[in-house]
Amino acid sequence: MEEKLRKIFASSLDIRINDVHDDLKYATIVQWDSIAHMALVAAIEEEFDIMMDAEDVIDMNSFSKAKEIIKKYL
C-alpha cells in the first residue's frame, strides 16, 4: 500500500519518487497546492477504490497522514 501511495504522490505532484517521504507536507513544495491536492485525492480514491469523507480530505496534509487515512478505508 505504501509504495502504491508513494507512486500516486509522485505522479500527482510531478515530483521524484525519492522526494515522497513521511515529512512531505501540504504547501511545503510548490507543486502541492489546493488544486493539486484535489487531483491527488481523486487519484488516491480511484487507485484504492475508496471514497474519502470531507474531513479526511481536509486532514490529509502530509504523506504520513495520507497513509494513516488510507488504512482506515482498506
N, C-alpha and C. Protein backbone atom coordinates (compact mmCIF):
# COMPACT_ATOMS: atom_id res chain seq x y z
N MET A 1 0.82 -1.19 0.00
CA MET A 1 0.00 0.00 0.00
C MET A 1 0.86 1.25 0.00
N GLU A 2 1.92 1.26 0.80
CA GLU A 2 2.76 2.46 0.90
C GLU A 2 3.45 2.79 -0.41
N GLU A 3 3.96 1.78 -1.10
CA GLU A 3 4.66 2.05 -2.37
C GLU A 3 3.68 2.54 -3.43
N LYS A 4 2.49 1.96 -3.45
CA LYS A 4 1.46 2.41 -4.40
C LYS A 4 1.11 3.87 -4.12
N LEU A 5 0.95 4.21 -2.85
CA LEU A 5 0.64 5.58 -2.46
C LEU A 5 1.78 6.53 -2.80
N ARG A 6 3.00 6.08 -2.60
CA ARG A 6 4.17 6.89 -2.93
C ARG A 6 4.19 7.22 -4.43
N LYS A 7 3.86 6.24 -5.26
CA LYS A 7 3.82 6.45 -6.70
C LYS A 7 2.71 7.44 -7.08
N ILE A 8 1.58 7.36 -6.42
CA ILE A 8 0.48 8.28 -6.68
C ILE A 8 0.90 9.71 -6.33
N PHE A 9 1.54 9.88 -5.19
CA PHE A 9 2.01 11.20 -4.78
C PHE A 9 3.00 11.75 -5.80
N ALA A 10 3.96 10.93 -6.19
CA ALA A 10 4.99 11.39 -7.14
C ALA A 10 4.35 11.78 -8.47
N SER A 11 3.46 10.96 -8.95
CA SER A 11 2.81 11.23 -10.23
C SER A 11 1.90 12.45 -10.15
N SER A 12 1.07 12.52 -9.13
CA SER A 12 0.10 13.61 -9.00
C SER A 12 0.76 14.96 -8.75
N LEU A 13 1.86 14.95 -8.01
CA LEU A 13 2.54 16.20 -7.67
C LEU A 13 3.70 16.50 -8.62
N ASP A 14 3.94 15.58 -9.55
CA ASP A 14 5.01 15.74 -10.53
C ASP A 14 6.36 15.97 -9.84
N ILE A 15 6.65 15.06 -8.90
CA ILE A 15 7.93 15.10 -8.19
C ILE A 15 8.58 13.72 -8.28
N ARG A 16 9.86 13.67 -7.94
CA ARG A 16 10.56 12.38 -7.95
C ARG A 16 10.06 11.51 -6.81
N ILE A 17 10.00 10.23 -7.06
CA ILE A 17 9.51 9.30 -6.04
C ILE A 17 10.38 9.36 -4.78
N ASN A 18 11.67 9.66 -4.94
CA ASN A 18 12.55 9.77 -3.78
C ASN A 18 12.22 10.98 -2.92
N ASP A 19 11.46 11.93 -3.47
CA ASP A 19 11.06 13.12 -2.71
C ASP A 19 9.78 12.90 -1.91
N VAL A 20 9.19 11.73 -2.06
CA VAL A 20 7.97 11.39 -1.31
C VAL A 20 8.40 10.62 -0.06
N HIS A 21 8.22 11.24 1.08
CA HIS A 21 8.61 10.66 2.37
C HIS A 21 7.65 11.15 3.44
N ASP A 22 7.74 10.61 4.63
CA ASP A 22 6.79 10.94 5.71
C ASP A 22 6.77 12.43 6.05
N ASP A 23 7.86 13.13 5.84
CA ASP A 23 7.91 14.55 6.18
C ASP A 23 7.35 15.46 5.08
N LEU A 24 6.95 14.89 3.95
CA LEU A 24 6.38 15.70 2.87
C LEU A 24 5.02 16.22 3.33
N LYS A 25 4.88 17.55 3.32
CA LYS A 25 3.65 18.18 3.82
C LYS A 25 3.05 19.12 2.80
N TYR A 26 1.74 19.28 2.91
CA TYR A 26 0.99 20.20 2.06
C TYR A 26 1.61 21.59 2.11
N ALA A 27 1.75 22.19 0.95
CA ALA A 27 2.24 23.56 0.77
C ALA A 27 3.72 23.76 1.14
N THR A 28 4.44 22.68 1.43
CA THR A 28 5.88 22.82 1.68
C THR A 28 6.65 22.74 0.37
N ILE A 29 5.97 22.27 -0.66
CA ILE A 29 6.54 22.29 -2.01
C ILE A 29 5.53 23.02 -2.90
N VAL A 30 6.00 23.70 -3.88
CA VAL A 30 5.15 24.50 -4.76
C VAL A 30 4.08 23.64 -5.43
N GLN A 31 4.43 22.42 -5.78
CA GLN A 31 3.51 21.56 -6.53
C GLN A 31 2.26 21.16 -5.73
N TRP A 32 2.35 21.14 -4.41
CA TRP A 32 1.21 20.68 -3.60
C TRP A 32 0.40 21.86 -3.12
N ASP A 33 -0.45 22.35 -4.01
CA ASP A 33 -1.36 23.44 -3.66
C ASP A 33 -2.78 22.86 -3.61
N SER A 34 -3.77 23.71 -3.47
CA SER A 34 -5.14 23.23 -3.31
C SER A 34 -5.65 22.47 -4.54
N ILE A 35 -5.28 22.91 -5.72
CA ILE A 35 -5.71 22.23 -6.94
C ILE A 35 -5.05 20.86 -7.05
N ALA A 36 -3.75 20.82 -6.79
CA ALA A 36 -3.03 19.54 -6.82
C ALA A 36 -3.55 18.59 -5.73
N HIS A 37 -3.97 19.16 -4.62
CA HIS A 37 -4.49 18.35 -3.52
C HIS A 37 -5.75 17.60 -3.97
N MET A 38 -6.63 18.29 -4.67
CA MET A 38 -7.85 17.63 -5.13
C MET A 38 -7.55 16.57 -6.19
N ALA A 39 -6.58 16.83 -7.05
CA ALA A 39 -6.17 15.82 -8.04
C ALA A 39 -5.56 14.61 -7.34
N LEU A 40 -4.78 14.88 -6.31
CA LEU A 40 -4.17 13.80 -5.52
C LEU A 40 -5.24 12.95 -4.85
N VAL A 41 -6.22 13.59 -4.26
CA VAL A 41 -7.33 12.87 -3.61
C VAL A 41 -8.06 12.01 -4.64
N ALA A 42 -8.35 12.57 -5.79
CA ALA A 42 -9.05 11.81 -6.84
C ALA A 42 -8.24 10.60 -7.28
N ALA A 43 -6.94 10.77 -7.44
CA ALA A 43 -6.08 9.66 -7.85
C ALA A 43 -6.03 8.57 -6.78
N ILE A 44 -5.96 8.98 -5.53
CA ILE A 44 -5.94 8.01 -4.42
C ILE A 44 -7.26 7.24 -4.38
N GLU A 45 -8.37 7.97 -4.47
CA GLU A 45 -9.68 7.32 -4.42
C GLU A 45 -9.84 6.32 -5.57
N GLU A 46 -9.39 6.70 -6.74
CA GLU A 46 -9.51 5.81 -7.89
C GLU A 46 -8.63 4.58 -7.74
N GLU A 47 -7.38 4.79 -7.37
CA GLU A 47 -6.43 3.68 -7.27
C GLU A 47 -6.82 2.68 -6.19
N PHE A 48 -7.31 3.17 -5.05
CA PHE A 48 -7.65 2.29 -3.94
C PHE A 48 -9.13 1.93 -3.90
N ASP A 49 -9.91 2.46 -4.86
CA ASP A 49 -11.34 2.20 -4.94
C ASP A 49 -12.04 2.53 -3.62
N ILE A 50 -11.81 3.75 -3.17
CA ILE A 50 -12.41 4.23 -1.92
C ILE A 50 -13.03 5.61 -2.18
N MET A 51 -13.80 6.08 -1.21
CA MET A 51 -14.35 7.43 -1.25
C MET A 51 -14.11 8.05 0.13
N MET A 52 -13.16 8.97 0.17
CA MET A 52 -12.83 9.60 1.44
C MET A 52 -13.88 10.63 1.81
N ASP A 53 -14.16 10.73 3.10
CA ASP A 53 -15.09 11.78 3.51
C ASP A 53 -14.36 13.12 3.56
N ALA A 54 -15.13 14.18 3.60
CA ALA A 54 -14.57 15.54 3.52
C ALA A 54 -13.56 15.82 4.62
N GLU A 55 -13.81 15.33 5.80
CA GLU A 55 -12.89 15.55 6.93
C GLU A 55 -11.52 14.94 6.64
N ASP A 56 -11.51 13.75 6.07
CA ASP A 56 -10.24 13.10 5.74
C ASP A 56 -9.51 13.83 4.62
N VAL A 57 -10.26 14.35 3.66
CA VAL A 57 -9.65 15.11 2.56
C VAL A 57 -8.94 16.34 3.12
N ILE A 58 -9.59 17.01 4.04
CA ILE A 58 -9.01 18.20 4.66
C ILE A 58 -7.83 17.83 5.56
N ASP A 59 -7.96 16.75 6.31
CA ASP A 59 -6.91 16.33 7.26
C ASP A 59 -5.67 15.77 6.57
N MET A 60 -5.78 15.36 5.33
CA MET A 60 -4.66 14.75 4.62
C MET A 60 -3.64 15.83 4.23
N ASN A 61 -2.80 16.18 5.17
CA ASN A 61 -1.86 17.29 4.96
C ASN A 61 -0.40 16.86 4.89
N SER A 62 -0.18 15.55 4.84
CA SER A 62 1.18 15.03 4.70
C SER A 62 1.12 13.61 4.14
N PHE A 63 2.25 13.14 3.67
CA PHE A 63 2.30 11.76 3.18
C PHE A 63 2.03 10.80 4.33
N SER A 64 2.58 11.10 5.48
CA SER A 64 2.38 10.27 6.66
C SER A 64 0.90 10.19 7.03
N LYS A 65 0.23 11.32 7.02
CA LYS A 65 -1.20 11.36 7.35
C LYS A 65 -2.02 10.63 6.29
N ALA A 66 -1.61 10.74 5.04
CA ALA A 66 -2.30 10.04 3.96
C ALA A 66 -2.27 8.53 4.19
N LYS A 67 -1.12 8.02 4.59
CA LYS A 67 -1.01 6.57 4.88
C LYS A 67 -1.98 6.17 5.98
N GLU A 68 -2.04 6.98 7.01
CA GLU A 68 -2.93 6.71 8.14
C GLU A 68 -4.40 6.72 7.70
N ILE A 69 -4.76 7.69 6.90
CA ILE A 69 -6.15 7.81 6.44
C ILE A 69 -6.52 6.66 5.52
N ILE A 70 -5.65 6.31 4.58
CA ILE A 70 -5.94 5.22 3.64
C ILE A 70 -6.18 3.91 4.38
N LYS A 71 -5.41 3.66 5.42
CA LYS A 71 -5.55 2.41 6.19
C LYS A 71 -6.95 2.26 6.76
N LYS A 72 -7.62 3.38 7.07
CA LYS A 72 -8.99 3.31 7.60
C LYS A 72 -9.95 2.73 6.59
N TYR A 73 -9.67 2.95 5.31
CA TYR A 73 -10.59 2.55 4.26
C TYR A 73 -10.31 1.16 3.68
N LEU A 74 -9.18 0.60 4.01
CA LEU A 74 -8.81 -0.71 3.43
C LEU A 74 -9.19 -1.86 4.34
